[in-house]
Amino acid sequence: MRILPECAPNVAGARAGQVLDLRAGLAAGLGPAVWGLHTSGRMKTCEVCGNQYDKAFEVVAEGTRHVFDCFACAIHALAPRCKTCGTFIIGHGMESGASFYCCAHCARKAGVDEMQDRA
């Protein structure tokens, strides 16, 4: 993620335009409000749909830089999918081993009985 100029004073040790790894930024409590948009006037191309957009944004995930024109394309490219029903998991999903599930029901259908939606 790229730090927006107006947010840099609120992020300890950050400077405007600085690029942070998405996971590191999220771990530091940085949400979408500090993610930068490409405002240089150059059109960037979304890697999912191919749309050229002057407000496309970058996401760095596991060391790889991605460019998207909207969150829907970012979700399509980066969000894990439920092993049982195939839905994109964009919130807090459930994980067992290397498998992701959208809910306890789907986890149980896959034989992971210890998952619960609520404690």
PDB file of N, CA and C in Angstrom:
ATOM      1  N   MET A   1       0.839  -1.169   0.000  1.00  0.00           N
ATOM      2  CA  MET A   1       0.000   0.000   0.000  1.00  0.00           C
ATOM      3  C   MET A   1       0.884   1.232   0.000  1.00  0.00           C
ATOM      4  N   ARG A   2       0.403   2.312  -0.578  1.00  0.00           N
ATOM      5  CA  ARG A   2       1.145   3.561  -0.633  1.00  0.00           C
ATOM      6  C   ARG A   2       0.492   4.533   0.344  1.00  0.00           C
ATOM      7  N   ILE A   3       1.298   5.186   1.184  1.00  0.00           N
ATOM      8  CA  ILE A   3       0.787   6.101   2.197  1.00  0.00           C
ATOM      9  C   ILE A   3       0.371   7.416   1.548  1.00  0.00           C
ATOM     10  N   LEU A   4      -0.865   7.832   1.774  1.00  0.00           N
ATOM     11  CA  LEU A   4      -1.353   9.113   1.256  1.00  0.00           C
ATOM     12  C   LEU A   4      -0.713  10.261   2.027  1.00  0.00           C
ATOM     13  N   PRO A   5      -0.449  11.394   1.357  1.00  0.00           N
ATOM     14  CA  PRO A   5       0.190  12.526   2.039  1.00  0.00           C
ATOM     15  C   PRO A   5      -0.552  12.990   3.283  1.00  0.00           C
ATOM     16  N   GLU A   6      -1.877  13.027   3.221  1.00  0.00           N
ATOM     17  CA  GLU A   6      -2.635  13.524   4.365  1.00  0.00           C
ATOM     18  C   GLU A   6      -2.644  12.548   5.542  1.00  0.00           C
ATOM     19  N   CYS A   7      -2.263  11.301   5.300  1.00  0.00           N
ATOM     20  CA  CYS A   7      -2.256  10.310   6.367  1.00  0.00           C
ATOM     21  C   CYS A   7      -0.878  10.099   6.972  1.00  0.00           C
ATOM     22  N   ALA A   8       0.176  10.517   6.277  1.00  0.00           N
ATOM     23  CA  ALA A   8       1.540  10.269   6.757  1.00  0.00           C
ATOM     24  C   ALA A   8       1.778  10.769   8.177  1.00  0.00           C
ATOM     25  N   PRO A   9       1.270  11.971   8.571  1.00  0.00           N
ATOM     26  CA  PRO A   9       1.526  12.415   9.947  1.00  0.00           C
ATOM     27  C   PRO A   9       0.902  11.513  11.010  1.00  0.00           C
ATOM     28  N   ASN A  10      -0.090  10.717  10.628  1.00  0.00           N
ATOM     29  CA  ASN A  10      -0.788   9.850  11.573  1.00  0.00           C
ATOM     30  C   ASN A  10      -0.194   8.452  11.666  1.00  0.00           C
ATOM     31  N   VAL A  11       0.802   8.159  10.841  1.00  0.00           N
ATOM     32  CA  VAL A  11       1.402   6.836  10.816  1.00  0.00           C
ATOM     33  C   VAL A  11       2.840   6.972  11.299  1.00  0.00           C
ATOM     34  N   ALA A  12       3.130   6.375  12.436  1.00  0.00           N
ATOM     35  CA  ALA A  12       4.451   6.517  13.054  1.00  0.00           C
ATOM     36  C   ALA A  12       5.566   6.134  12.087  1.00  0.00           C
ATOM     37  N   GLY A  13       6.474   7.060  11.859  1.00  0.00           N
ATOM     38  CA  GLY A  13       7.647   6.809  11.034  1.00  0.00           C
ATOM     39  C   GLY A  13       7.382   6.752   9.543  1.00  0.00           C
ATOM     40  N   ALA A  14       6.168   7.055   9.119  1.00  0.00           N
ATOM     41  CA  ALA A  14       5.845   6.966   7.694  1.00  0.00           C
ATOM     42  C   ALA A  14       6.034   8.305   7.005  1.00  0.00           C
ATOM     43  N   ARG A  15       6.246   8.225   5.709  1.00  0.00           N
ATOM     44  CA  ARG A  15       6.335   9.441   4.916  1.00  0.00           C
ATOM     45  C   ARG A  15       5.405   9.284   3.711  1.00  0.00           C
ATOM     46  N   ALA A  16       4.923  10.384   3.207  1.00  0.00           N
ATOM     47  CA  ALA A  16       4.011  10.360   2.066  1.00  0.00           C
ATOM     48  C   ALA A  16       4.662   9.650   0.890  1.00  0.00           C
ATOM     49  N   GLY A  17       3.912   8.816   0.216  1.00  0.00           N
ATOM     50  CA  GLY A  17       4.399   8.100  -0.942  1.00  0.00           C
ATOM     51  C   GLY A  17       5.128   6.811  -0.625  1.00  0.00           C
ATOM     52  N   GLN A  18       5.372   6.552   0.643  1.00  0.00           N
ATOM     53  CA  GLN A  18       6.073   5.336   1.041  1.00  0.00           C
ATOM     54  C   GLN A  18       5.208   4.119   0.709  1.00  0.00           C
ATOM     55  N   VAL A  19       5.824   3.067   0.193  1.00  0.00           N
ATOM     56  CA  VAL A  19       5.111   1.836  -0.125  1.00  0.00           C
ATOM     57  C   VAL A  19       5.366   0.837   0.989  1.00  0.00           C
ATOM     58  N   LEU A  20       4.287   0.303   1.559  1.00  0.00           N
ATOM     59  CA  LEU A  20       4.388  -0.701   2.615  1.00  0.00           C
ATOM     60  C   LEU A  20       3.793  -2.008   2.132  1.00  0.00           C
ATOM     61  N   ASP A  21       4.314  -3.102   2.608  1.00  0.00           N
ATOM     62  CA  ASP A  21       3.733  -4.402   2.349  1.00  0.00           C
ATOM     63  C   ASP A  21       2.328  -4.424   2.960  1.00  0.00           C
ATOM     64  N   LEU A  22       1.355  -4.972   2.247  1.00  0.00           N
ATOM     65  CA  LEU A  22      -0.035  -4.980   2.705  1.00  0.00           C
ATOM     66  C   LEU A  22      -0.174  -5.614   4.085  1.00  0.00           C
ATOM     67  N   ARG A  23       0.443  -6.769   4.302  1.00  0.00           N
ATOM     68  CA  ARG A  23       0.300  -7.442   5.597  1.00  0.00           C
ATOM     69  C   ARG A  23       0.932  -6.626   6.714  1.00  0.00           C
ATOM     70  N   ALA A  24       2.087  -6.025   6.441  1.00  0.00           N
ATOM     71  CA  ALA A  24       2.745  -5.205   7.461  1.00  0.00           C
ATOM     72  C   ALA A  24       1.881  -3.994   7.788  1.00  0.00           C
ATOM     73  N   GLY A  25       1.286  -3.396   6.776  1.00  0.00           N
ATOM     74  CA  GLY A  25       0.428  -2.242   6.999  1.00  0.00           C
ATOM     75  C   GLY A  25      -0.806  -2.595   7.803  1.00  0.00           C
ATOM     76  N   LEU A  26      -1.426  -3.713   7.463  1.00  0.00           N
ATOM     77  CA  LEU A  26      -2.614  -4.138   8.200  1.00  0.00           C
ATOM     78  C   LEU A  26      -2.258  -4.498   9.637  1.00  0.00           C
ATOM     79  N   ALA A  27      -1.105  -5.142   9.820  1.00  0.00           N
ATOM     80  CA  ALA A  27      -0.666  -5.502  11.171  1.00  0.00           C
ATOM     81  C   ALA A  27      -0.404  -4.253  12.002  1.00  0.00           C
ATOM     82  N   ALA A  28       0.000  -3.165  11.342  1.00  0.00           N
ATOM     83  CA  ALA A  28       0.258  -1.907  12.047  1.00  0.00           C
ATOM     84  C   ALA A  28      -1.030  -1.109  12.257  1.00  0.00           C
ATOM     85  N   GLY A  29      -2.164  -1.664  11.828  1.00  0.00           N
ATOM     86  CA  GLY A  29      -3.445  -0.995  12.032  1.00  0.00           C
ATOM     87  C   GLY A  29      -3.799   0.010  10.954  1.00  0.00           C
ATOM     88  N   LEU A  30      -3.150  -0.069   9.793  1.00  0.00           N
ATOM     89  CA  LEU A  30      -3.452   0.857   8.710  1.00  0.00           C
ATOM     90  C   LEU A  30      -4.562   0.284   7.850  1.00  0.00           C
ATOM     91  N   GLY A  31      -5.633   1.011   7.729  1.00  0.00           N
ATOM     92  CA  GLY A  31      -6.748   0.550   6.923  1.00  0.00           C
ATOM     93  C   GLY A  31      -6.768   1.221   5.567  1.00  0.00           C
ATOM     94  N   PRO A  32      -7.835   1.023   4.793  1.00  0.00           N
ATOM     95  CA  PRO A  32      -7.932   1.580   3.448  1.00  0.00           C
ATOM     96  C   PRO A  32      -7.793   3.094   3.387  1.00  0.00           C
ATOM     97  N   ALA A  33      -8.050   3.806   4.473  1.00  0.00           N
ATOM     98  CA  ALA A  33      -7.952   5.266   4.441  1.00  0.00           C
ATOM     99  C   ALA A  33      -6.540   5.753   4.177  1.00  0.00           C
ATOM    100  N   VAL A  34      -5.540   4.939   4.414  1.00  0.00           N
ATOM    101  CA  VAL A  34      -4.166   5.372   4.161  1.00  0.00           C
ATOM    102  C   VAL A  34      -3.584   4.735   2.907  1.00  0.00           C
ATOM    103  N   TRP A  35      -4.355   3.936   2.197  1.00  0.00           N
ATOM    104  CA  TRP A  35      -3.868   3.337   0.964  1.00  0.00           C
ATOM    105  C   TRP A  35      -3.867   4.406  -0.108  1.00  0.00           C
ATOM    106  N   GLY A  36      -2.813   4.504  -0.848  1.00  0.00           N
ATOM    107  CA  GLY A  36      -2.680   5.569  -1.833  1.00  0.00           C
ATOM    108  C   GLY A  36      -3.290   5.213  -3.166  1.00  0.00           C
ATOM    109  N   LEU A  37      -3.706   6.230  -3.851  1.00  0.00           N
ATOM    110  CA  LEU A  37      -4.183   6.097  -5.213  1.00  0.00           C
ATOM    111  C   LEU A  37      -3.122   6.662  -6.143  1.00  0.00           C
ATOM    112  N   HIS A  38      -3.054   6.152  -7.352  1.00  0.00           N
ATOM    113  CA  HIS A  38      -2.134   6.717  -8.333  1.00  0.00           C
ATOM    114  C   HIS A  38      -2.727   8.042  -8.796  1.00  0.00           C
ATOM    115  N   THR A  39      -2.159   9.130  -8.392  1.00  0.00           N
ATOM    116  CA  THR A  39      -2.698  10.429  -8.776  1.00  0.00           C
ATOM    117  C   THR A  39      -1.715  11.213  -9.630  1.00  0.00           C
ATOM    118  N   SER A  40      -0.770  10.525 -10.241  1.00  0.00           N
ATOM    119  CA  SER A  40       0.240  11.197 -11.042  1.00  0.00           C
ATOM    120  C   SER A  40      -0.301  11.603 -12.401  1.00  0.00           C
ATOM    121  N   GLY A  41      -1.555  11.231 -12.718  1.00  0.00           N
ATOM    122  CA  GLY A  41      -2.109  11.548 -14.015  1.00  0.00           C
ATOM    123  C   GLY A  41      -1.878  10.431 -15.022  1.00  0.00           C
ATOM    124  N   ARG A  42      -0.976   9.508 -14.713  1.00  0.00           N
ATOM    125  CA  ARG A  42      -0.736   8.377 -15.606  1.00  0.00           C
ATOM    126  C   ARG A  42      -1.815   7.332 -15.386  1.00  0.00           C
ATOM    127  N   MET A  43      -2.307   6.793 -16.450  1.00  0.00           N
ATOM    128  CA  MET A  43      -3.322   5.757 -16.355  1.00  0.00           C
ATOM    129  C   MET A  43      -2.639   4.426 -16.052  1.00  0.00           C
ATOM    130  N   LYS A  44      -3.156   3.718 -15.058  1.00  0.00           N
ATOM    131  CA  LYS A  44      -2.675   2.385 -14.724  1.00  0.00           C
ATOM    132  C   LYS A  44      -3.707   1.380 -15.214  1.00  0.00           C
ATOM    133  N   THR A  45      -3.266   0.203 -15.529  1.00  0.00           N
ATOM    134  CA  THR A  45      -4.153  -0.829 -16.056  1.00  0.00           C
ATOM    135  C   THR A  45      -4.411  -1.884 -14.997  1.00  0.00           C
ATOM    136  N   CYS A  46      -5.695  -2.154 -14.736  1.00  0.00           N
ATOM    137  CA  CYS A  46      -6.082  -3.185 -13.774  1.00  0.00           C
ATOM    138  C   CYS A  46      -5.663  -4.545 -14.315  1.00  0.00           C
ATOM    139  N   GLU A  47      -5.001  -5.325 -13.472  1.00  0.00           N
ATOM    140  CA  GLU A  47      -4.509  -6.627 -13.923  1.00  0.00           C
ATOM    141  C   GLU A  47      -5.613  -7.665 -14.069  1.00  0.00           C
ATOM    142  N   VAL A  48      -6.811  -7.391 -13.550  1.00  0.00           N
ATOM    143  CA  VAL A  48      -7.911  -8.353 -13.655  1.00  0.00           C
ATOM    144  C   VAL A  48      -8.779  -8.067 -14.873  1.00  0.00           C
ATOM    145  N   CYS A  49      -9.281  -6.839 -14.984  1.00  0.00           N
ATOM    146  CA  CYS A  49     -10.242  -6.525 -16.049  1.00  0.00           C
ATOM    147  C   CYS A  49      -9.635  -5.758 -17.222  1.00  0.00           C
ATOM    148  N   GLY A  50      -8.415  -5.235 -17.035  1.00  0.00           N
ATOM    149  CA  GLY A  50      -7.773  -4.501 -18.115  1.00  0.00           C
ATOM    150  C   GLY A  50      -8.198  -3.049 -18.247  1.00  0.00           C
ATOM    151  N   ASN A  51      -9.072  -2.586 -17.359  1.00  0.00           N
ATOM    152  CA  ASN A  51      -9.520  -1.201 -17.399  1.00  0.00           C
ATOM    153  C   ASN A  51      -8.356  -0.265 -17.081  1.00  0.00           C
ATOM    154  N   GLN A  52      -8.225   0.797 -17.846  1.00  0.00           N
ATOM    155  CA  GLN A  52      -7.232   1.820 -17.550  1.00  0.00           C
ATOM    156  C   GLN A  52      -7.919   2.914 -16.754  1.00  0.00           C
ATOM    157  N   TYR A  53      -7.316   3.262 -15.595  1.00  0.00           N
ATOM    158  CA  TYR A  53      -7.977   4.160 -14.657  1.00  0.00           C
ATOM    159  C   TYR A  53      -6.935   5.018 -13.977  1.00  0.00           C
ATOM    160  N   ASP A  54      -7.207   6.324 -13.875  1.00  0.00           N
ATOM    161  CA  ASP A  54      -6.226   7.235 -13.258  1.00  0.00           C
ATOM    162  C   ASP A  54      -6.206   7.126 -11.738  1.00  0.00           C
ATOM    163  N   LYS A  55      -7.173   6.449 -11.141  1.00  0.00           N
ATOM    164  CA  LYS A  55      -7.209   6.286  -9.686  1.00  0.00           C
ATOM    165  C   LYS A  55      -7.042   4.825  -9.279  1.00  0.00           C
ATOM    166  N   ALA A  56      -6.378   4.061 -10.118  1.00  0.00           N
ATOM    167  CA  ALA A  56      -6.089   2.667  -9.775  1.00  0.00           C
ATOM    168  C   ALA A  56      -5.200   2.647  -8.535  1.00  0.00           C
ATOM    169  N   PHE A  57      -5.198   1.541  -7.814  1.00  0.00           N
ATOM    170  CA  PHE A  57      -4.385   1.453  -6.598  1.00  0.00           C
ATOM    171  C   PHE A  57      -3.519   0.199  -6.638  1.00  0.00           C
ATOM    172  N   GLU A  58      -2.473   0.241  -5.842  1.00  0.00           N
ATOM    173  CA  GLU A  58      -1.539  -0.876  -5.758  1.00  0.00           C
ATOM    174  C   GLU A  58      -1.747  -1.628  -4.454  1.00  0.00           C
ATOM    175  N   VAL A  59      -1.585  -2.935  -4.536  1.00  0.00           N
ATOM    176  CA  VAL A  59      -1.562  -3.777  -3.349  1.00  0.00           C
ATOM    177  C   VAL A  59      -0.304  -4.639  -3.460  1.00  0.00           C
ATOM    178  N   VAL A  60       0.498  -4.660  -2.408  1.00  0.00           N
ATOM    179  CA  VAL A  60       1.665  -5.530  -2.369  1.00  0.00           C
ATOM    180  C   VAL A  60       1.315  -6.679  -1.425  1.00  0.00           C
ATOM    181  N   ALA A  61       1.240  -7.875  -1.982  1.00  0.00           N
ATOM    182  CA  ALA A  61       0.903  -9.061  -1.190  1.00  0.00           C
ATOM    183  C   ALA A  61       1.997 -10.097  -1.393  1.00  0.00           C
ATOM    184  N   GLU A  62       2.586 -10.534  -0.282  1.00  0.00           N
ATOM    185  CA  GLU A  62       3.652 -11.517  -0.300  1.00  0.00           C
ATOM    186  C   GLU A  62       4.764 -11.120  -1.257  1.00  0.00           C
ATOM    187  N   GLY A  63       5.088  -9.830  -1.278  1.00  0.00           N
ATOM    188  CA  GLY A  63       6.193  -9.320  -2.065  1.00  0.00           C
ATOM    189  C   GLY A  63       5.897  -9.054  -3.530  1.00  0.00           C
ATOM    190  N   THR A  64       4.674  -9.303  -3.967  1.00  0.00           N
ATOM    191  CA  THR A  64       4.290  -9.073  -5.356  1.00  0.00           C
ATOM    192  C   THR A  64       3.364  -7.864  -5.443  1.00  0.00           C
ATOM    193  N   ARG A  65       3.686  -6.942  -6.346  1.00  0.00           N
ATOM    194  CA  ARG A  65       2.890  -5.725  -6.520  1.00  0.00           C
ATOM    195  C   ARG A  65       1.763  -5.994  -7.531  1.00  0.00           C
ATOM    196  N   HIS A  66       0.555  -5.606  -7.150  1.00  0.00           N
ATOM    197  CA  HIS A  66      -0.628  -5.761  -8.002  1.00  0.00           C
ATOM    198  C   HIS A  66      -1.259  -4.399  -8.219  1.00  0.00           C
ATOM    199  N   VAL A  67      -1.914  -4.198  -9.367  1.00  0.00           N
ATOM    200  CA  VAL A  67      -2.618  -2.952  -9.669  1.00  0.00           C
ATOM    201  C   VAL A  67      -4.069  -3.300  -9.988  1.00  0.00           C
ATOM    202  N   PHE A  68      -5.000  -2.605  -9.311  1.00  0.00           N
ATOM    203  CA  PHE A  68      -6.431  -2.832  -9.518  1.00  0.00           C
ATOM    204  C   PHE A  68      -7.147  -1.502  -9.691  1.00  0.00           C
ATOM    205  N   ASP A  69      -8.278  -1.529 -10.379  1.00  0.00           N
ATOM    206  CA  ASP A  69      -9.074  -0.318 -10.534  1.00  0.00           C
ATOM    207  C   ASP A  69     -10.220  -0.257  -9.527  1.00  0.00           C
ATOM    208  N   CYS A  70     -10.511  -1.360  -8.833  1.00  0.00           N
ATOM    209  CA  CYS A  70     -11.585  -1.380  -7.849  1.00  0.00           C
ATOM    210  C   CYS A  70     -11.360  -2.533  -6.867  1.00  0.00           C
ATOM    211  N   PHE A  71     -12.057  -2.467  -5.747  1.00  0.00           N
ATOM    212  CA  PHE A  71     -11.922  -3.529  -4.749  1.00  0.00           C
ATOM    213  C   PHE A  71     -12.464  -4.855  -5.264  1.00  0.00           C
ATOM    214  N   ALA A  72     -13.475  -4.818  -6.125  1.00  0.00           N
ATOM    215  CA  ALA A  72     -14.020  -6.072  -6.658  1.00  0.00           C
ATOM    216  C   ALA A  72     -12.949  -6.852  -7.409  1.00  0.00           C
ATOM    217  N   CYS A  73     -12.135  -6.167  -8.208  1.00  0.00           N
ATOM    218  CA  CYS A  73     -11.058  -6.845  -8.937  1.00  0.00           C
ATOM    219  C   CYS A  73      -9.974  -7.332  -7.977  1.00  0.00           C
ATOM    220  N   ALA A  74      -9.669  -6.537  -6.952  1.00  0.00           N
ATOM    221  CA  ALA A  74      -8.673  -6.950  -5.963  1.00  0.00           C
ATOM    222  C   ALA A  74      -9.137  -8.213  -5.238  1.00  0.00           C
ATOM    223  N   ILE A  75     -10.409  -8.251  -4.870  1.00  0.00           N
ATOM    224  CA  ILE A  75     -10.969  -9.428  -4.203  1.00  0.00           C
ATOM    225  C   ILE A  75     -10.898 -10.636  -5.132  1.00  0.00           C
ATOM    226  N   HIS A  76     -11.268 -10.453  -6.394  1.00  0.00           N
ATOM    227  CA  HIS A  76     -11.246 -11.543  -7.362  1.00  0.00           C
ATOM    228  C   HIS A  76      -9.843 -12.145  -7.488  1.00  0.00           C
ATOM    229  N   ALA A  77      -8.828 -11.293  -7.451  1.00  0.00           N
ATOM    230  CA  ALA A  77      -7.455 -11.768  -7.636  1.00  0.00           C
ATOM    231  C   ALA A  77      -6.812 -12.304  -6.362  1.00  0.00           C
ATOM    232  N   LEU A  78      -7.137 -11.713  -5.203  1.00  0.00           N
ATOM    233  CA  LEU A  78      -6.365 -11.996  -4.000  1.00  0.00           C
ATOM    234  C   LEU A  78      -7.094 -12.724  -2.877  1.00  0.00           C
ATOM    235  N   ALA A  79      -8.409 -12.635  -2.828  1.00  0.00           N
ATOM    236  CA  ALA A  79      -9.134 -13.229  -1.694  1.00  0.00           C
ATOM    237  C   ALA A  79      -9.140 -14.755  -1.800  1.00  0.00           C
ATOM    238  N   PRO A  80      -8.981 -15.427  -0.667  1.00  0.00           N
ATOM    239  CA  PRO A  80      -9.091 -16.889  -0.698  1.00  0.00           C
ATOM    240  C   PRO A  80     -10.540 -17.293  -0.979  1.00  0.00           C
ATOM    241  N   ARG A  81     -10.727 -18.512  -1.455  1.00  0.00           N
ATOM    242  CA  ARG A  81     -12.077 -19.013  -1.742  1.00  0.00           C
ATOM    243  C   ARG A  81     -12.391 -20.165  -0.800  1.00  0.00           C
ATOM    244  N   CYS A  82     -13.652 -20.247  -0.429  1.00  0.00           N
ATOM    245  CA  CYS A  82     -14.110 -21.323   0.444  1.00  0.00           C
ATOM    246  C   CYS A  82     -13.937 -22.669  -0.276  1.00  0.00           C
ATOM    247  N   LYS A  83     -13.334 -23.617   0.420  1.00  0.00           N
ATOM    248  CA  LYS A  83     -13.087 -24.939  -0.160  1.00  0.00           C
ATOM    249  C   LYS A  83     -14.387 -25.671  -0.476  1.00  0.00           C
ATOM    250  N   THR A  84     -15.444 -25.381   0.283  1.00  0.00           N
ATOM    251  CA  THR A  84     -16.706 -26.097   0.108  1.00  0.00           C
ATOM    252  C   THR A  84     -17.609 -25.455  -0.936  1.00  0.00           C
ATOM    253  N   CYS A  85     -17.882 -24.160  -0.806  1.00  0.00           N
ATOM    254  CA  CYS A  85     -18.861 -23.527  -1.697  1.00  0.00           C
ATOM    255  C   CYS A  85     -18.233 -22.621  -2.753  1.00  0.00           C
ATOM    256  N   GLY A  86     -16.960 -22.282  -2.594  1.00  0.00           N
ATOM    257  CA  GLY A  86     -16.269 -21.492  -3.605  1.00  0.00           C
ATOM    258  C   GLY A  86     -16.433 -19.992  -3.512  1.00  0.00           C
ATOM    259  N   THR A  87     -17.169 -19.514  -2.507  1.00  0.00           N
ATOM    260  CA  THR A  87     -17.365 -18.074  -2.384  1.00  0.00           C
ATOM    261  C   THR A  87     -16.050 -17.388  -2.006  1.00  0.00           C
ATOM    262  N   PHE A  88     -15.903 -16.123  -2.425  1.00  0.00           N
ATOM    263  CA  PHE A  88     -14.728 -15.362  -2.023  1.00  0.00           C
ATOM    264  C   PHE A  88     -14.845 -15.008  -0.548  1.00  0.00           C
ATOM    265  N   ILE A  89     -13.784 -15.191   0.209  1.00  0.00           N
ATOM    266  CA  ILE A  89     -13.787 -14.853   1.630  1.00  0.00           C
ATOM    267  C   ILE A  89     -13.159 -13.482   1.778  1.00  0.00           C
ATOM    268  N   ILE A  90     -14.001 -12.467   2.062  1.00  0.00           N
ATOM    269  CA  ILE A  90     -13.491 -11.101   2.157  1.00  0.00           C
ATOM    270  C   ILE A  90     -13.510 -10.583   3.593  1.00  0.00           C
ATOM    271  N   GLY A  91     -14.032 -11.361   4.493  1.00  0.00           N
ATOM    272  CA  GLY A  91     -14.021 -11.005   5.909  1.00  0.00           C
ATOM    273  C   GLY A  91     -13.182 -12.016   6.655  1.00  0.00           C
ATOM    274  N   HIS A  92     -13.546 -12.236   7.890  1.00  0.00           N
ATOM    275  CA  HIS A  92     -12.847 -13.238   8.682  1.00  0.00           C
ATOM    276  C   HIS A  92     -13.392 -14.601   8.308  1.00  0.00           C
ATOM    277  N   GLY A  93     -12.603 -15.365   7.611  1.00  0.00           N
ATOM    278  CA  GLY A  93     -12.992 -16.713   7.275  1.00  0.00           C
ATOM    279  C   GLY A  93     -12.480 -17.669   8.330  1.00  0.00           C
ATOM    280  N   MET A  94     -12.479 -18.916   7.995  1.00  0.00           N
ATOM    281  CA  MET A  94     -11.978 -19.947   8.890  1.00  0.00           C
ATOM    282  C   MET A  94     -10.938 -20.741   8.132  1.00  0.00           C
ATOM    283  N   GLU A  95      -9.930 -21.187   8.866  1.00  0.00           N
ATOM    284  CA  GLU A  95      -8.820 -21.880   8.230  1.00  0.00           C
ATOM    285  C   GLU A  95      -8.510 -23.157   8.994  1.00  0.00           C
ATOM    286  N   SER A  96      -8.313 -24.217   8.237  1.00  0.00           N
ATOM    287  CA  SER A  96      -7.898 -25.491   8.820  1.00  0.00           C
ATOM    288  C   SER A  96      -6.848 -26.075   7.889  1.00  0.00           C
ATOM    289  N   GLY A  97      -5.626 -26.189   8.395  1.00  0.00           N
ATOM    290  CA  GLY A  97      -4.542 -26.637   7.529  1.00  0.00           C
ATOM    291  C   GLY A  97      -4.338 -25.627   6.419  1.00  0.00           C
ATOM    292  N   ALA A  98      -4.379 -26.082   5.181  1.00  0.00           N
ATOM    293  CA  ALA A  98      -4.209 -25.195   4.031  1.00  0.00           C
ATOM    294  C   ALA A  98      -5.551 -24.826   3.402  1.00  0.00           C
ATOM    295  N   SER A  99      -6.654 -25.171   4.053  1.00  0.00           N
ATOM    296  CA  SER A  99      -7.988 -24.924   3.495  1.00  0.00           C
ATOM    297  C   SER A  99      -8.671 -23.764   4.194  1.00  0.00           C
ATOM    298  N   PHE A 100      -9.431 -22.987   3.406  1.00  0.00           N
ATOM    299  CA  PHE A 100     -10.201 -21.861   3.929  1.00  0.00           C
ATOM    300  C   PHE A 100     -11.683 -22.153   3.772  1.00  0.00           C
ATOM    301  N   TYR A 101     -12.461 -21.671   4.747  1.00  0.00           N
ATOM    302  CA  TYR A 101     -13.908 -21.848   4.729  1.00  0.00           C
ATOM    303  C   TYR A 101     -14.568 -20.520   5.053  1.00  0.00           C
ATOM    304  N   CYS A 102     -15.720 -20.265   4.456  1.00  0.00           N
ATOM    305  CA  CYS A 102     -16.423 -19.005   4.702  1.00  0.00           C
ATOM    306  C   CYS A 102     -17.203 -19.047   6.014  1.00  0.00           C
ATOM    307  N   CYS A 103     -17.560 -20.243   6.484  1.00  0.00           N
ATOM    308  CA  CYS A 103     -18.357 -20.365   7.708  1.00  0.00           C
ATOM    309  C   CYS A 103     -18.179 -21.765   8.298  1.00  0.00           C
ATOM    310  N   ALA A 104     -18.675 -21.936   9.514  1.00  0.00           N
ATOM    311  CA  ALA A 104     -18.559 -23.230  10.194  1.00  0.00           C
ATOM    312  C   ALA A 104     -19.354 -24.314   9.462  1.00  0.00           C
ATOM    313  N   HIS A 105     -20.476 -23.941   8.858  1.00  0.00           N
ATOM    314  CA  HIS A 105     -21.293 -24.910   8.125  1.00  0.00           C
ATOM    315  C   HIS A 105     -20.474 -25.550   6.994  1.00  0.00           C
ATOM    316  N   CYS A 106     -19.787 -24.693   6.215  1.00  0.00           N
ATOM    317  CA  CYS A 106     -18.969 -25.222   5.120  1.00  0.00           C
ATOM    318  C   CYS A 106     -17.802 -26.047   5.647  1.00  0.00           C
ATOM    319  N   ALA A 107     -17.217 -25.630   6.754  1.00  0.00           N
ATOM    320  CA  ALA A 107     -16.116 -26.392   7.348  1.00  0.00           C
ATOM    321  C   ALA A 107     -16.605 -27.777   7.778  1.00  0.00           C
ATOM    322  N   ARG A 108     -17.778 -27.818   8.419  1.00  0.00           N
ATOM    323  CA  ARG A 108     -18.327 -29.106   8.856  1.00  0.00           C
ATOM    324  C   ARG A 108     -18.649 -30.008   7.661  1.00  0.00           C
ATOM    325  N   LYS A 109     -19.150 -29.423   6.584  1.00  0.00           N
ATOM    326  CA  LYS A 109     -19.436 -30.219   5.379  1.00  0.00           C
ATOM    327  C   LYS A 109     -18.162 -30.844   4.821  1.00  0.00           C
ATOM    328  N   ALA A 110     -17.018 -30.195   5.073  1.00  0.00           N
ATOM    329  CA  ALA A 110     -15.734 -30.722   4.614  1.00  0.00           C
ATOM    330  C   ALA A 110     -15.084 -31.632   5.648  1.00  0.00           C
ATOM    331  N   GLY A 111     -15.783 -31.883   6.771  1.00  0.00           N
ATOM    332  CA  GLY A 111     -15.264 -32.790   7.796  1.00  0.00           C
ATOM    333  C   GLY A 111     -14.467 -32.122   8.889  1.00  0.00           C
ATOM    334  N   VAL A 112     -14.468 -30.798   8.944  1.00  0.00           N
ATOM    335  CA  VAL A 112     -13.776 -30.079  10.009  1.00  0.00           C
ATOM    336  C   VAL A 112     -14.835 -29.703  11.043  1.00  0.00           C
ATOM    337  N   ASP A 113     -15.085 -30.605  11.991  1.00  0.00           N
ATOM    338  CA  ASP A 113     -16.215 -30.471  12.910  1.00  0.00           C
ATOM    339  C   ASP A 113     -15.994 -29.481  14.041  1.00  0.00           C
ATOM    340  N   GLU A 114     -14.744 -29.128  14.354  1.00  0.00           N
ATOM    341  CA  GLU A 114     -14.492 -28.261  15.506  1.00  0.00           C
ATOM    342  C   GLU A 114     -14.754 -26.778  15.248  1.00  0.00           C
ATOM    343  N   MET A 115     -15.046 -26.382  14.007  1.00  0.00           N
ATOM    344  CA  MET A 115     -15.288 -24.961  13.698  1.00  0.00           C
ATOM    345  C   MET A 115     -16.644 -24.514  14.225  1.00  0.00           C
ATOM    346  N   GLN A 116     -16.681 -23.278  14.731  1.00  0.00           N
ATOM    347  CA  GLN A 116     -17.929 -22.671  15.213  1.00  0.00           C
ATOM    348  C   GLN A 116     -18.013 -21.250  14.704  1.00  0.00           C
ATOM    349  N   ASP A 117     -19.221 -20.835  14.321  1.00  0.00           N
ATOM    350  CA  ASP A 117     -19.421 -19.450  13.899  1.00  0.00           C
ATOM    351  C   ASP A 117     -19.391 -18.523  15.096  1.00  0.00           C
ATOM    352  N   ARG A 118     -19.857 -19.004  16.253  1.00  0.00           N
ATOM    353  CA  ARG A 118     -19.865 -18.216  17.482  1.00  0.00           C
ATOM    354  C   ARG A 118     -19.391 -19.074  18.643  1.00  0.00           C
ATOM    355  N   ALA A 119     -18.718 -18.436  19.588  1.00  0.00           N
ATOM    356  CA  ALA A 119     -18.241 -19.174  20.762  1.00  0.00           C
ATOM    357  C   ALA A 119     -19.339 -19.320  21.780  1.00  0.00           C
TER     358      ALA A 119
END
